[in-house]
Amino acid sequence: MLLEIEKEAPKFKDQAAAIAQMWLIRAHAAISRDWVACEGLPVVEADQAMLARGYSNALNALYNAEIKTSSSPPVSTSQGFHDILSARGKEVFQLASELDIARGVLADLFNGWMLGPIRERLRDAVIFSLAITRDAFDSALQFALKNPRLGYAKAENVPTVTPRSCDEIIRDSNMSPERKRYWLGED
């Protein structure tokens, strides 16, 4: 039925996918409940946290399946920040520790969620720490912006990207006011 809806009215494709997700979740719940009843185990009543966790797991499974079956070629063959980090044998949290900056700031930059212009101090620190050129940094930034990493689905909704300015990300980080002023170039 859902495939017929998609063929007949492509504009309802998203709604059909949402209905399919709900059917999948309900079918899984029904099968699980029947299995528990057959085993003679006590039936646990689901609370909101359990429902949200189950919905999140289902969304993650659907997201991962969609990524695996995606037939679209990569947008670019250039290296992104994560590729460069991997080649250097580092992780985001290690580089953040080296630079004494909030991990979330680097994660937003590397995942393509940070809009330019990038603060010169941040750009130069990343260039120096990763031993790359300015052109390589600019290329990795463009790659990240064109191919943002979405991460895992949350319990309430599908993953989304909300690009923000460099300054906004630094100001909203969990760094001390002194570190924020430093990275904003206000010292």
C-alpha atoms as a PDB file:
ATOM      1  CA  MET A   1       0.000   0.000   0.000  1.00  0.00           C
ATOM      2  CA  LEU A   2       2.772   2.443   0.895  1.00  0.00           C
ATOM      3  CA  LEU A   3       4.614   1.789  -2.356  1.00  0.00           C
ATOM      4  CA  GLU A   4       1.407   2.547  -4.237  1.00  0.00           C
ATOM      5  CA  ILE A   5       1.113   5.867  -2.378  1.00  0.00           C
ATOM      6  CA  GLU A   6       4.698   6.762  -3.300  1.00  0.00           C
ATOM      7  CA  LYS A   7       4.111   5.923  -6.971  1.00  0.00           C
ATOM      8  CA  GLU A   8       0.813   7.762  -7.164  1.00  0.00           C
ATOM      9  CA  ALA A   9       1.821  10.867  -5.245  1.00  0.00           C
ATOM     10  CA  PRO A  10       5.587  11.372  -4.773  1.00  0.00           C
ATOM     11  CA  LYS A  11       4.876  14.385  -2.575  1.00  0.00           C
ATOM     12  CA  PHE A  12       3.565  11.981   0.091  1.00  0.00           C
ATOM     13  CA  LYS A  13       6.791   9.963   0.157  1.00  0.00           C
ATOM     14  CA  ASP A  14       7.891  11.346   3.545  1.00  0.00           C
ATOM     15  CA  GLN A  15       4.507  10.687   5.119  1.00  0.00           C
ATOM     16  CA  ALA A  16       4.510   7.149   3.733  1.00  0.00           C
ATOM     17  CA  ALA A  17       7.979   6.580   5.206  1.00  0.00           C
ATOM     18  CA  ALA A  18       6.820   7.855   8.602  1.00  0.00           C
ATOM     19  CA  ILE A  19       3.800   5.532   8.501  1.00  0.00           C
ATOM     20  CA  ALA A  20       6.073   2.614   7.576  1.00  0.00           C
ATOM     21  CA  GLN A  21       8.339   3.442  10.513  1.00  0.00           C
ATOM     22  CA  MET A  22       5.406   3.434  12.910  1.00  0.00           C
ATOM     23  CA  TRP A  23       4.124   0.112  11.502  1.00  0.00           C
ATOM     24  CA  LEU A  24       7.574  -1.382  11.936  1.00  0.00           C
ATOM     25  CA  ILE A  25       7.784  -0.223  15.540  1.00  0.00           C
ATOM     26  CA  ARG A  26       4.283  -1.472  16.364  1.00  0.00           C
ATOM     27  CA  ALA A  27       4.883  -4.832  14.682  1.00  0.00           C
ATOM     28  CA  HIS A  28       8.097  -5.275  16.646  1.00  0.00           C
ATOM     29  CA  ALA A  29       6.298  -4.385  19.885  1.00  0.00           C
ATOM     30  CA  ALA A  30       3.481  -6.857  19.166  1.00  0.00           C
ATOM     31  CA  ILE A  31       5.891  -9.677  18.357  1.00  0.00           C
ATOM     32  CA  SER A  32       7.953  -8.932  21.472  1.00  0.00           C
ATOM     33  CA  ARG A  33       4.854  -8.886  23.665  1.00  0.00           C
ATOM     34  CA  ASP A  34       3.630 -12.222  22.214  1.00  0.00           C
ATOM     35  CA  TRP A  35       7.054 -13.780  22.701  1.00  0.00           C
ATOM     36  CA  VAL A  36       7.165 -12.686  26.347  1.00  0.00           C
ATOM     37  CA  ALA A  37       3.647 -14.070  26.901  1.00  0.00           C
ATOM     38  CA  CYS A  38       4.588 -17.444  25.351  1.00  0.00           C
ATOM     39  CA  GLU A  39       7.655 -17.693  27.559  1.00  0.00           C
ATOM     40  CA  GLY A  40       5.566 -17.039  30.642  1.00  0.00           C
ATOM     41  CA  LEU A  41       7.567 -13.976  31.589  1.00  0.00           C
ATOM     42  CA  PRO A  42       5.923 -10.994  33.246  1.00  0.00           C
ATOM     43  CA  VAL A  43       4.794  -8.318  30.803  1.00  0.00           C
ATOM     44  CA  VAL A  44       6.495  -4.996  31.451  1.00  0.00           C
ATOM     45  CA  GLU A  45       4.411  -1.910  30.860  1.00  0.00           C
ATOM     46  CA  ALA A  46       6.311   0.591  28.730  1.00  0.00           C
ATOM     47  CA  ASP A  47       6.990   4.038  30.155  1.00  0.00           C
ATOM     48  CA  GLN A  48       7.848   7.144  28.130  1.00  0.00           C
ATOM     49  CA  ALA A  49      11.607   6.588  28.420  1.00  0.00           C
ATOM     50  CA  MET A  50      11.310   3.027  27.119  1.00  0.00           C
ATOM     51  CA  LEU A  51       9.130   4.143  24.225  1.00  0.00           C
ATOM     52  CA  ALA A  52      11.509   6.981  23.332  1.00  0.00           C
ATOM     53  CA  ARG A  53      14.515   4.631  23.485  1.00  0.00           C
ATOM     54  CA  GLY A  54      12.781   2.095  21.249  1.00  0.00           C
ATOM     55  CA  TYR A  55      11.789   4.804  18.782  1.00  0.00           C
ATOM     56  CA  SER A  56      15.360   6.129  18.765  1.00  0.00           C
ATOM     57  CA  ASN A  57      16.758   2.647  18.118  1.00  0.00           C
ATOM     58  CA  ALA A  58      14.308   2.144  15.255  1.00  0.00           C
ATOM     59  CA  LEU A  59      15.236   5.506  13.719  1.00  0.00           C
ATOM     60  CA  ASN A  60      18.935   4.668  14.023  1.00  0.00           C
ATOM     61  CA  ALA A  61      18.390   1.306  12.336  1.00  0.00           C
ATOM     62  CA  LEU A  62      16.471   2.938   9.491  1.00  0.00           C
ATOM     63  CA  TYR A  63      19.097   5.677   9.139  1.00  0.00           C
ATOM     64  CA  ASN A  64      21.966   3.158   9.066  1.00  0.00           C
ATOM     65  CA  ALA A  65      20.136   1.007   6.518  1.00  0.00           C
ATOM     66  CA  GLU A  66      19.502   4.047   4.338  1.00  0.00           C
ATOM     67  CA  ILE A  67      23.179   5.021   4.455  1.00  0.00           C
ATOM     68  CA  LYS A  68      24.271   1.464   3.543  1.00  0.00           C
ATOM     69  CA  THR A  69      21.891   1.241   0.598  1.00  0.00           C
ATOM     70  CA  SER A  70      22.531   4.755  -0.635  1.00  0.00           C
ATOM     71  CA  SER A  71      23.690   4.477  -4.212  1.00  0.00           C
ATOM     72  CA  SER A  72      24.663   8.098  -4.651  1.00  0.00           C
ATOM     73  CA  PRO A  73      28.393   8.618  -5.201  1.00  0.00           C
ATOM     74  CA  PRO A  74      30.349  10.815  -2.813  1.00  0.00           C
ATOM     75  CA  VAL A  75      30.090  14.503  -3.606  1.00  0.00           C
ATOM     76  CA  SER A  76      33.826  15.000  -3.692  1.00  0.00           C
ATOM     77  CA  THR A  77      37.008  12.968  -3.594  1.00  0.00           C
ATOM     78  CA  SER A  78      38.872  15.513  -1.507  1.00  0.00           C
ATOM     79  CA  GLN A  79      39.832  14.775   2.059  1.00  0.00           C
ATOM     80  CA  GLY A  80      37.635  15.944   4.877  1.00  0.00           C
ATOM     81  CA  PHE A  81      38.822  16.823   8.366  1.00  0.00           C
ATOM     82  CA  HIS A  82      38.004  13.347   9.651  1.00  0.00           C
ATOM     83  CA  ASP A  83      40.160  11.773   6.917  1.00  0.00           C
ATOM     84  CA  ILE A  84      43.052  14.078   7.799  1.00  0.00           C
ATOM     85  CA  LEU A  85      42.640  13.345  11.512  1.00  0.00           C
ATOM     86  CA  SER A  86      42.568   9.623  10.825  1.00  0.00           C
ATOM     87  CA  ALA A  87      45.733   9.862   8.714  1.00  0.00           C
ATOM     88  CA  ARG A  88      47.442  11.578  11.664  1.00  0.00           C
ATOM     89  CA  GLY A  89      46.227   8.874  14.050  1.00  0.00           C
ATOM     90  CA  LYS A  90      44.157  11.316  16.093  1.00  0.00           C
ATOM     91  CA  GLU A  91      40.580  11.680  17.235  1.00  0.00           C
ATOM     92  CA  VAL A  92      38.582  14.900  17.660  1.00  0.00           C
ATOM     93  CA  PHE A  93      38.787  14.739  21.452  1.00  0.00           C
ATOM     94  CA  GLN A  94      42.594  14.368  21.317  1.00  0.00           C
ATOM     95  CA  LEU A  95      43.010  17.392  19.069  1.00  0.00           C
ATOM     96  CA  ALA A  96      40.612  19.377  21.240  1.00  0.00           C
ATOM     97  CA  SER A  97      42.702  18.509  24.282  1.00  0.00           C
ATOM     98  CA  GLU A  98      45.906  19.558  22.479  1.00  0.00           C
ATOM     99  CA  LEU A  99      44.407  22.903  21.492  1.00  0.00           C
ATOM    100  CA  ASP A 100      42.610  23.413  24.828  1.00  0.00           C
ATOM    101  CA  ILE A 101      39.298  24.020  23.071  1.00  0.00           C
ATOM    102  CA  ALA A 102      35.885  22.471  23.606  1.00  0.00           C
ATOM    103  CA  ARG A 103      35.485  19.202  21.729  1.00  0.00           C
ATOM    104  CA  GLY A 104      32.097  20.383  20.468  1.00  0.00           C
ATOM    105  CA  VAL A 105      33.656  23.354  18.679  1.00  0.00           C
ATOM    106  CA  LEU A 106      36.007  21.115  16.697  1.00  0.00           C
ATOM    107  CA  ALA A 107      33.268  18.540  16.137  1.00  0.00           C
ATOM    108  CA  ASP A 108      31.002  21.213  14.655  1.00  0.00           C
ATOM    109  CA  LEU A 109      33.829  22.427  12.405  1.00  0.00           C
ATOM    110  CA  PHE A 110      34.807  18.920  11.286  1.00  0.00           C
ATOM    111  CA  ASN A 111      31.212  17.737  10.823  1.00  0.00           C
ATOM    112  CA  GLY A 112      30.309  20.659   8.539  1.00  0.00           C
ATOM    113  CA  TRP A 113      28.074  22.486  10.999  1.00  0.00           C
ATOM    114  CA  MET A 114      30.257  25.610  11.362  1.00  0.00           C
ATOM    115  CA  LEU A 115      29.687  28.396   8.889  1.00  0.00           C
ATOM    116  CA  GLY A 116      32.487  30.734   7.862  1.00  0.00           C
ATOM    117  CA  PRO A 117      34.289  32.827   8.357  1.00  0.00           C
ATOM    118  CA  ILE A 118      36.321  30.649  10.693  1.00  0.00           C
ATOM    119  CA  ARG A 119      38.256  32.592  13.305  1.00  0.00           C
ATOM    120  CA  GLU A 120      41.880  33.004  12.242  1.00  0.00           C
ATOM    121  CA  ARG A 121      43.161  31.737  15.594  1.00  0.00           C
ATOM    122  CA  LEU A 122      41.125  28.540  15.285  1.00  0.00           C
ATOM    123  CA  ARG A 123      42.041  28.026  11.641  1.00  0.00           C
ATOM    124  CA  ASP A 124      45.760  28.528  12.295  1.00  0.00           C
ATOM    125  CA  ALA A 125      45.729  26.225  15.335  1.00  0.00           C
ATOM    126  CA  VAL A 126      44.084  23.425  13.346  1.00  0.00           C
ATOM    127  CA  ILE A 127      46.467  23.952  10.423  1.00  0.00           C
ATOM    128  CA  PHE A 128      49.496  23.808  12.723  1.00  0.00           C
ATOM    129  CA  SER A 129      48.289  20.803  14.758  1.00  0.00           C
ATOM    130  CA  LEU A 130      47.372  18.743  11.704  1.00  0.00           C
ATOM    131  CA  ALA A 131      50.422  19.929   9.726  1.00  0.00           C
ATOM    132  CA  ILE A 132      48.349  20.904   6.696  1.00  0.00           C
ATOM    133  CA  THR A 133      48.354  23.873   4.354  1.00  0.00           C
ATOM    134  CA  ARG A 134      45.808  26.648   4.250  1.00  0.00           C
ATOM    135  CA  ASP A 135      44.544  25.245   0.942  1.00  0.00           C
ATOM    136  CA  ALA A 136      44.105  21.805   2.534  1.00  0.00           C
ATOM    137  CA  PHE A 137      42.165  23.413   5.406  1.00  0.00           C
ATOM    138  CA  ASP A 138      39.922  25.337   2.999  1.00  0.00           C
ATOM    139  CA  SER A 139      39.369  22.193   0.921  1.00  0.00           C
ATOM    140  CA  ALA A 140      38.492  20.133   4.021  1.00  0.00           C
ATOM    141  CA  LEU A 141      36.131  22.881   5.188  1.00  0.00           C
ATOM    142  CA  GLN A 142      34.336  22.958   1.836  1.00  0.00           C
ATOM    143  CA  PHE A 143      34.126  19.158   1.871  1.00  0.00           C
ATOM    144  CA  ALA A 144      32.641  19.223   5.382  1.00  0.00           C
ATOM    145  CA  LEU A 145      30.084  21.894   4.463  1.00  0.00           C
ATOM    146  CA  LYS A 146      29.000  19.991   1.346  1.00  0.00           C
ATOM    147  CA  ASN A 147      28.903  16.636   3.177  1.00  0.00           C
ATOM    148  CA  PRO A 148      27.753  17.340   6.734  1.00  0.00           C
ATOM    149  CA  ARG A 149      27.785  14.438   9.147  1.00  0.00           C
ATOM    150  CA  LEU A 150      24.381  13.941  10.705  1.00  0.00           C
ATOM    151  CA  GLY A 151      25.124  11.633  13.582  1.00  0.00           C
ATOM    152  CA  TYR A 152      22.532   9.368  15.154  1.00  0.00           C
ATOM    153  CA  ALA A 153      18.827   9.954  15.260  1.00  0.00           C
ATOM    154  CA  LYS A 154      17.351  11.223  18.496  1.00  0.00           C
ATOM    155  CA  ALA A 155      14.301   9.689  20.095  1.00  0.00           C
ATOM    156  CA  GLU A 156      11.997  12.545  19.090  1.00  0.00           C
ATOM    157  CA  ASN A 157      13.086  13.210  15.498  1.00  0.00           C
ATOM    158  CA  VAL A 158      15.397  12.399  12.606  1.00  0.00           C
ATOM    159  CA  PRO A 159      18.934  13.812  12.554  1.00  0.00           C
ATOM    160  CA  THR A 160      19.246  17.347  11.260  1.00  0.00           C
ATOM    161  CA  VAL A 161      22.050  19.805  10.650  1.00  0.00           C
ATOM    162  CA  THR A 162      21.740  23.304  12.060  1.00  0.00           C
ATOM    163  CA  PRO A 163      24.688  25.302  10.722  1.00  0.00           C
ATOM    164  CA  ARG A 164      25.817  28.129  12.976  1.00  0.00           C
ATOM    165  CA  SER A 165      28.531  30.758  12.848  1.00  0.00           C
ATOM    166  CA  CYS A 166      31.939  30.116  14.343  1.00  0.00           C
ATOM    167  CA  ASP A 167      31.437  32.817  16.961  1.00  0.00           C
ATOM    168  CA  GLU A 168      28.048  31.452  18.004  1.00  0.00           C
ATOM    169  CA  ILE A 169      29.447  27.937  18.419  1.00  0.00           C
ATOM    170  CA  ILE A 170      32.359  29.196  20.514  1.00  0.00           C
ATOM    171  CA  ARG A 171      30.088  31.362  22.688  1.00  0.00           C
ATOM    172  CA  ASP A 172      27.670  28.456  23.262  1.00  0.00           C
ATOM    173  CA  SER A 173      30.465  26.013  24.151  1.00  0.00           C
ATOM    174  CA  ASN A 174      31.204  24.783  27.652  1.00  0.00           C
ATOM    175  CA  MET A 175      34.598  26.516  27.801  1.00  0.00           C
ATOM    176  CA  SER A 176      35.506  29.020  30.485  1.00  0.00           C
ATOM    177  CA  PRO A 177      34.912  32.703  29.698  1.00  0.00           C
ATOM    178  CA  GLU A 178      38.688  33.213  29.391  1.00  0.00           C
ATOM    179  CA  ARG A 179      39.023  30.411  26.790  1.00  0.00           C
ATOM    180  CA  LYS A 180      36.015  31.736  24.892  1.00  0.00           C
ATOM    181  CA  ARG A 181      37.580  35.210  24.761  1.00  0.00           C
ATOM    182  CA  TYR A 182      40.853  33.671  23.574  1.00  0.00           C
ATOM    183  CA  TRP A 183      39.260  31.711  20.725  1.00  0.00           C
ATOM    184  CA  LEU A 184      37.099  34.695  19.770  1.00  0.00           C
ATOM    185  CA  GLY A 185      40.240  36.855  19.579  1.00  0.00           C
ATOM    186  CA  GLU A 186      38.981  39.172  22.306  1.00  0.00           C
ATOM    187  CA  ASP A 187      42.008  38.904  24.578  1.00  0.00           C
END
